[in-house]
Amino acid sequence: YGISIRGSTLYCTNKPCIICSKMIINAGIRTVFYKEGYDDPLADKMLAEAGVQIVRFPP
């Protein structure tokens, strides 16, 4: 159902947590821009290994 978002960019207010990171990877999202966040080393590692670029905006 729906349309494929594989290869798309996600804009969100907070840095993805581990659960959100799993869904982002499964959906095939390639880039995530976020405004605020907290460090979650496991989520960061998973996203990096999956090739998902994480960018804080504004830097």
N, C-alpha and C. Protein backbone atom coordinates (compact mmCIF):
# COMPACT_ATOMS: atom_id res chain seq x y z
N TYR A 1 0.83 -1.19 0.00
CA TYR A 1 0.00 0.00 0.00
C TYR A 1 0.87 1.25 0.00
N GLY A 2 0.38 2.33 -0.57
CA GLY A 2 1.12 3.58 -0.57
C GLY A 2 2.17 3.62 -1.67
N ILE A 3 3.09 4.56 -1.51
CA ILE A 3 4.16 4.73 -2.48
C ILE A 3 5.50 4.45 -1.82
N SER A 4 6.47 4.08 -2.60
CA SER A 4 7.81 3.81 -2.08
C SER A 4 8.50 5.11 -1.71
N ILE A 5 9.16 5.11 -0.55
CA ILE A 5 9.95 6.28 -0.14
C ILE A 5 11.44 5.94 -0.16
N ARG A 6 11.79 4.82 -0.76
CA ARG A 6 13.19 4.39 -0.86
C ARG A 6 14.01 5.48 -1.54
N GLY A 7 15.13 5.85 -0.90
CA GLY A 7 16.02 6.86 -1.45
C GLY A 7 15.63 8.29 -1.11
N SER A 8 14.61 8.46 -0.30
CA SER A 8 14.12 9.81 0.00
C SER A 8 14.87 10.45 1.16
N THR A 9 14.49 11.70 1.47
CA THR A 9 15.06 12.47 2.57
C THR A 9 13.99 12.70 3.61
N LEU A 10 14.35 12.57 4.89
CA LEU A 10 13.43 12.77 6.00
C LEU A 10 13.85 14.02 6.76
N TYR A 11 12.90 14.91 7.04
CA TYR A 11 13.12 16.09 7.86
C TYR A 11 12.34 15.91 9.15
N CYS A 12 13.01 16.00 10.31
CA CYS A 12 12.31 15.81 11.58
C CYS A 12 12.87 16.75 12.65
N THR A 13 12.14 16.89 13.73
CA THR A 13 12.55 17.82 14.79
C THR A 13 13.62 17.23 15.68
N ASN A 14 13.59 15.92 15.92
CA ASN A 14 14.55 15.28 16.81
C ASN A 14 15.35 14.20 16.10
N LYS A 15 16.55 14.00 16.58
CA LYS A 15 17.41 12.95 16.03
C LYS A 15 16.74 11.59 16.27
N PRO A 16 16.76 10.71 15.30
CA PRO A 16 16.06 9.43 15.43
C PRO A 16 16.60 8.56 16.57
N CYS A 17 15.68 7.95 17.30
CA CYS A 17 16.04 6.99 18.35
C CYS A 17 16.29 5.64 17.68
N ILE A 18 16.56 4.64 18.48
CA ILE A 18 16.87 3.32 17.93
C ILE A 18 15.67 2.72 17.19
N ILE A 19 14.48 2.87 17.73
CA ILE A 19 13.29 2.31 17.08
C ILE A 19 13.02 3.02 15.76
N CYS A 20 13.09 4.34 15.77
CA CYS A 20 12.88 5.11 14.53
C CYS A 20 13.98 4.80 13.52
N SER A 21 15.20 4.61 13.99
CA SER A 21 16.31 4.29 13.09
C SER A 21 16.05 2.99 12.35
N LYS A 22 15.52 2.00 13.03
CA LYS A 22 15.19 0.73 12.39
C LYS A 22 14.16 0.93 11.28
N MET A 23 13.15 1.75 11.56
CA MET A 23 12.11 2.00 10.55
C MET A 23 12.66 2.80 9.37
N ILE A 24 13.56 3.75 9.65
CA ILE A 24 14.19 4.55 8.60
C ILE A 24 15.00 3.65 7.67
N ILE A 25 15.78 2.76 8.26
CA ILE A 25 16.60 1.83 7.47
C ILE A 25 15.70 0.91 6.64
N ASN A 26 14.67 0.37 7.25
CA ASN A 26 13.75 -0.53 6.56
C ASN A 26 13.04 0.16 5.40
N ALA A 27 12.74 1.44 5.56
CA ALA A 27 12.04 2.20 4.51
C ALA A 27 12.97 2.60 3.37
N GLY A 28 14.29 2.51 3.60
CA GLY A 28 15.24 2.87 2.56
C GLY A 28 15.52 4.36 2.46
N ILE A 29 15.22 5.10 3.51
CA ILE A 29 15.51 6.54 3.53
C ILE A 29 17.02 6.72 3.53
N ARG A 30 17.54 7.64 2.73
CA ARG A 30 18.99 7.81 2.59
C ARG A 30 19.56 8.96 3.40
N THR A 31 18.76 10.00 3.68
CA THR A 31 19.25 11.17 4.40
C THR A 31 18.23 11.62 5.43
N VAL A 32 18.71 11.99 6.63
CA VAL A 32 17.84 12.50 7.68
C VAL A 32 18.39 13.84 8.16
N PHE A 33 17.56 14.87 8.08
CA PHE A 33 17.89 16.18 8.65
C PHE A 33 17.10 16.32 9.94
N TYR A 34 17.76 16.77 11.02
CA TYR A 34 17.07 16.95 12.29
C TYR A 34 17.50 18.26 12.93
N LYS A 35 16.66 18.79 13.85
CA LYS A 35 16.95 20.07 14.49
C LYS A 35 17.65 19.89 15.83
N GLU A 36 17.10 19.05 16.68
CA GLU A 36 17.65 18.83 18.01
C GLU A 36 17.82 17.34 18.23
N GLY A 37 18.53 17.00 19.28
CA GLY A 37 18.65 15.58 19.52
C GLY A 37 19.52 15.24 20.70
N TYR A 38 19.56 13.98 20.99
CA TYR A 38 20.39 13.43 22.04
C TYR A 38 21.23 12.33 21.42
N ASP A 39 22.33 12.04 22.05
CA ASP A 39 23.21 11.02 21.49
C ASP A 39 22.68 9.62 21.79
N ASP A 40 22.59 8.82 20.77
CA ASP A 40 22.22 7.41 20.89
C ASP A 40 23.24 6.65 20.05
N PRO A 41 24.35 6.24 20.67
CA PRO A 41 25.44 5.60 19.91
C PRO A 41 25.00 4.39 19.09
N LEU A 42 24.08 3.59 19.61
CA LEU A 42 23.64 2.41 18.87
C LEU A 42 22.87 2.82 17.62
N ALA A 43 21.97 3.80 17.74
CA ALA A 43 21.22 4.29 16.58
C ALA A 43 22.17 4.89 15.55
N ASP A 44 23.15 5.67 16.03
CA ASP A 44 24.13 6.28 15.12
C ASP A 44 24.90 5.20 14.35
N LYS A 45 25.31 4.15 15.06
CA LYS A 45 26.07 3.07 14.43
C LYS A 45 25.23 2.33 13.39
N MET A 46 23.98 2.04 13.74
CA MET A 46 23.10 1.33 12.80
C MET A 46 22.87 2.15 11.54
N LEU A 47 22.59 3.44 11.71
CA LEU A 47 22.33 4.31 10.55
C LEU A 47 23.57 4.42 9.68
N ALA A 48 24.74 4.56 10.31
CA ALA A 48 25.99 4.67 9.55
C ALA A 48 26.25 3.38 8.75
N GLU A 49 26.06 2.23 9.38
CA GLU A 49 26.28 0.96 8.70
C GLU A 49 25.31 0.75 7.54
N ALA A 50 24.12 1.34 7.65
CA ALA A 50 23.12 1.22 6.59
C ALA A 50 23.31 2.27 5.50
N GLY A 51 24.27 3.18 5.69
CA GLY A 51 24.54 4.21 4.69
C GLY A 51 23.59 5.38 4.73
N VAL A 52 22.92 5.58 5.87
CA VAL A 52 22.00 6.71 6.02
C VAL A 52 22.79 7.90 6.53
N GLN A 53 22.70 9.01 5.82
CA GLN A 53 23.40 10.23 6.21
C GLN A 53 22.54 10.99 7.22
N ILE A 54 23.13 11.39 8.36
CA ILE A 54 22.43 12.14 9.40
C ILE A 54 23.03 13.54 9.45
N VAL A 55 22.18 14.57 9.31
CA VAL A 55 22.65 15.95 9.24
C VAL A 55 21.86 16.80 10.23
N ARG A 56 22.58 17.51 11.11
CA ARG A 56 21.90 18.45 12.02
C ARG A 56 21.65 19.75 11.29
N PHE A 57 20.43 20.27 11.40
CA PHE A 57 20.06 21.50 10.70
C PHE A 57 19.41 22.45 11.68
N PRO A 58 19.85 23.68 11.82
CA PRO A 58 21.09 24.18 11.22
C PRO A 58 22.30 23.61 11.95
N PRO A 59 23.44 23.58 11.24
CA PRO A 59 24.66 22.97 11.82
C PRO A 59 25.16 23.71 13.04
